[in-house]
Each structure stands twice: as structure tokens, then as C-alpha cells.
Amino acid sequence: MELLTRLRAERRLSLVLVSHELDLVTAYTDSVQRLDEGRVRMAGDDMSVATQLP
């Protein structure tokens, strides 16, 4: 993750992170989309989406 974070900053890249680990997601992302059965159910800044119940 450290390498991806560095490359993201240096090269102004976007990062798509797929994970069930909300701590990891909130540490490395600016925005989050929560999916349910392949459909976006919630979207927003990482903390507001990560702390809401599904």
C-alpha cells in the first residue's frame, strides 16, 4: 500500500481499491462506494459511507 500511495501522489493517479476491510479503505481513499449485489448502494466521502449501516 505504501508503494501505491507514493505512486498515486507522484504521478497523480487514481486508485481503485476493492476490500471488505473498512479500516484499510478509509485510510487510503478519498471517496467510497458501497456495493450490494453489484450495485452502488451508497457513495460519498470515506468516513460517512464507512460508518453507515448497509
N, C-alpha and C. Protein backbone atom coordinates (compact mmCIF):
# COMPACT_ATOMS: atom_id res chain seq x y z
N MET A 1 0.82 -1.18 0.00
CA MET A 1 0.00 0.00 0.00
C MET A 1 0.87 1.25 0.00
N GLU A 2 2.01 1.19 0.65
CA GLU A 2 2.89 2.36 0.67
C GLU A 2 3.36 2.73 -0.73
N LEU A 3 3.72 1.73 -1.52
CA LEU A 3 4.15 1.98 -2.90
C LEU A 3 3.01 2.58 -3.72
N LEU A 4 1.83 2.04 -3.60
CA LEU A 4 0.69 2.57 -4.34
C LEU A 4 0.38 4.01 -3.92
N THR A 5 0.47 4.30 -2.64
CA THR A 5 0.24 5.66 -2.15
C THR A 5 1.26 6.62 -2.72
N ARG A 6 2.51 6.21 -2.75
CA ARG A 6 3.58 7.06 -3.29
C ARG A 6 3.39 7.31 -4.77
N LEU A 7 3.11 6.25 -5.53
CA LEU A 7 2.89 6.39 -6.97
C LEU A 7 1.66 7.26 -7.26
N ARG A 8 0.65 7.10 -6.46
CA ARG A 8 -0.56 7.90 -6.63
C ARG A 8 -0.25 9.38 -6.48
N ALA A 9 0.54 9.72 -5.49
CA ALA A 9 0.89 11.12 -5.25
C ALA A 9 1.84 11.65 -6.32
N GLU A 10 2.87 10.89 -6.64
CA GLU A 10 3.89 11.34 -7.59
C GLU A 10 3.33 11.49 -9.00
N ARG A 11 2.49 10.57 -9.41
CA ARG A 11 2.01 10.55 -10.81
C ARG A 11 0.57 11.00 -10.96
N ARG A 12 -0.01 11.47 -9.85
CA ARG A 12 -1.40 11.96 -9.86
C ARG A 12 -2.34 10.90 -10.44
N LEU A 13 -2.22 9.69 -9.90
CA LEU A 13 -3.01 8.56 -10.37
C LEU A 13 -4.27 8.39 -9.52
N SER A 14 -5.24 7.72 -10.08
CA SER A 14 -6.41 7.29 -9.32
C SER A 14 -6.15 5.86 -8.86
N LEU A 15 -6.75 5.50 -7.77
CA LEU A 15 -6.59 4.16 -7.23
C LEU A 15 -7.97 3.59 -6.95
N VAL A 16 -8.23 2.42 -7.49
CA VAL A 16 -9.47 1.71 -7.20
C VAL A 16 -9.11 0.59 -6.24
N LEU A 17 -9.70 0.63 -5.07
CA LEU A 17 -9.40 -0.34 -4.02
C LEU A 17 -10.67 -1.11 -3.70
N VAL A 18 -10.62 -2.42 -3.87
CA VAL A 18 -11.76 -3.28 -3.57
C VAL A 18 -11.41 -4.07 -2.32
N SER A 19 -12.19 -3.86 -1.25
CA SER A 19 -11.84 -4.50 0.01
C SER A 19 -13.05 -4.58 0.93
N HIS A 20 -13.01 -5.56 1.82
CA HIS A 20 -14.01 -5.65 2.88
C HIS A 20 -13.46 -5.03 4.17
N GLU A 21 -12.20 -4.61 4.15
CA GLU A 21 -11.55 -4.04 5.32
C GLU A 21 -11.77 -2.53 5.36
N LEU A 22 -12.76 -2.08 6.13
CA LEU A 22 -13.11 -0.67 6.15
C LEU A 22 -12.00 0.21 6.71
N ASP A 23 -11.19 -0.30 7.63
CA ASP A 23 -10.06 0.48 8.15
C ASP A 23 -9.08 0.79 7.02
N LEU A 24 -8.79 -0.18 6.20
CA LEU A 24 -7.90 -0.01 5.06
C LEU A 24 -8.50 0.98 4.07
N VAL A 25 -9.76 0.81 3.77
CA VAL A 25 -10.44 1.68 2.81
C VAL A 25 -10.39 3.13 3.27
N THR A 26 -10.75 3.38 4.51
CA THR A 26 -10.79 4.77 4.98
C THR A 26 -9.40 5.38 5.11
N ALA A 27 -8.38 4.56 5.30
CA ALA A 27 -7.02 5.08 5.41
C ALA A 27 -6.44 5.51 4.07
N TYR A 28 -6.88 4.90 2.98
CA TYR A 28 -6.23 5.11 1.68
C TYR A 28 -7.13 5.73 0.60
N THR A 29 -8.35 6.11 0.94
CA THR A 29 -9.23 6.63 -0.10
C THR A 29 -9.81 7.99 0.27
N ASP A 30 -10.24 8.71 -0.75
CA ASP A 30 -10.90 10.00 -0.56
C ASP A 30 -12.41 9.86 -0.65
N SER A 31 -12.86 8.87 -1.39
CA SER A 31 -14.30 8.63 -1.52
C SER A 31 -14.54 7.12 -1.60
N VAL A 32 -15.77 6.74 -1.27
CA VAL A 32 -16.11 5.32 -1.18
C VAL A 32 -17.45 5.08 -1.86
N GLN A 33 -17.57 3.94 -2.50
CA GLN A 33 -18.85 3.46 -2.99
C GLN A 33 -19.08 2.08 -2.40
N ARG A 34 -20.18 1.92 -1.72
CA ARG A 34 -20.52 0.61 -1.15
C ARG A 34 -21.45 -0.10 -2.11
N LEU A 35 -21.11 -1.35 -2.40
CA LEU A 35 -21.89 -2.14 -3.35
C LEU A 35 -22.70 -3.20 -2.62
N ASP A 36 -23.82 -3.55 -3.21
CA ASP A 36 -24.64 -4.65 -2.74
C ASP A 36 -25.16 -5.35 -3.98
N GLU A 37 -24.81 -6.61 -4.13
CA GLU A 37 -25.19 -7.40 -5.30
C GLU A 37 -24.79 -6.70 -6.60
N GLY A 38 -23.60 -6.10 -6.59
CA GLY A 38 -23.05 -5.48 -7.78
C GLY A 38 -23.59 -4.10 -8.11
N ARG A 39 -24.43 -3.55 -7.25
CA ARG A 39 -24.99 -2.21 -7.49
C ARG A 39 -24.54 -1.25 -6.40
N VAL A 40 -24.29 -0.01 -6.80
CA VAL A 40 -23.89 1.01 -5.83
C VAL A 40 -25.08 1.32 -4.94
N ARG A 41 -24.90 1.16 -3.63
CA ARG A 41 -25.96 1.43 -2.67
C ARG A 41 -25.71 2.72 -1.90
N MET A 42 -24.43 3.10 -1.73
CA MET A 42 -24.06 4.33 -1.04
C MET A 42 -22.80 4.87 -1.67
N ALA A 43 -22.67 6.19 -1.68
CA ALA A 43 -21.45 6.81 -2.19
C ALA A 43 -21.23 8.11 -1.43
N GLY A 44 -19.96 8.45 -1.21
CA GLY A 44 -19.65 9.69 -0.52
C GLY A 44 -18.23 9.69 -0.01
N ASP A 45 -17.95 10.64 0.91
CA ASP A 45 -16.60 10.65 1.48
C ASP A 45 -16.42 9.40 2.33
N ASP A 46 -15.20 8.99 2.52
CA ASP A 46 -14.93 7.68 3.11
C ASP A 46 -15.55 7.47 4.48
N MET A 47 -15.47 8.42 5.37
CA MET A 47 -15.98 8.19 6.72
C MET A 47 -17.50 8.11 6.77
N SER A 48 -18.20 8.96 6.02
CA SER A 48 -19.66 8.96 6.10
C SER A 48 -20.23 7.64 5.56
N VAL A 49 -19.66 7.11 4.51
CA VAL A 49 -20.15 5.86 3.94
C VAL A 49 -19.70 4.67 4.77
N ALA A 50 -18.48 4.70 5.26
CA ALA A 50 -17.94 3.57 6.02
C ALA A 50 -18.66 3.37 7.34
N THR A 51 -19.18 4.44 7.93
CA THR A 51 -19.80 4.31 9.25
C THR A 51 -21.29 4.06 9.19
N GLN A 52 -21.91 4.14 8.02
CA GLN A 52 -23.35 3.87 7.89
C GLN A 52 -23.59 2.38 7.77
N LEU A 53 -24.68 1.93 8.30
CA LEU A 53 -25.05 0.53 8.16
C LEU A 53 -25.51 0.29 6.72
N PRO A 54 -25.31 -0.93 6.22
CA PRO A 54 -25.69 -1.23 4.83
C PRO A 54 -27.14 -1.06 4.52
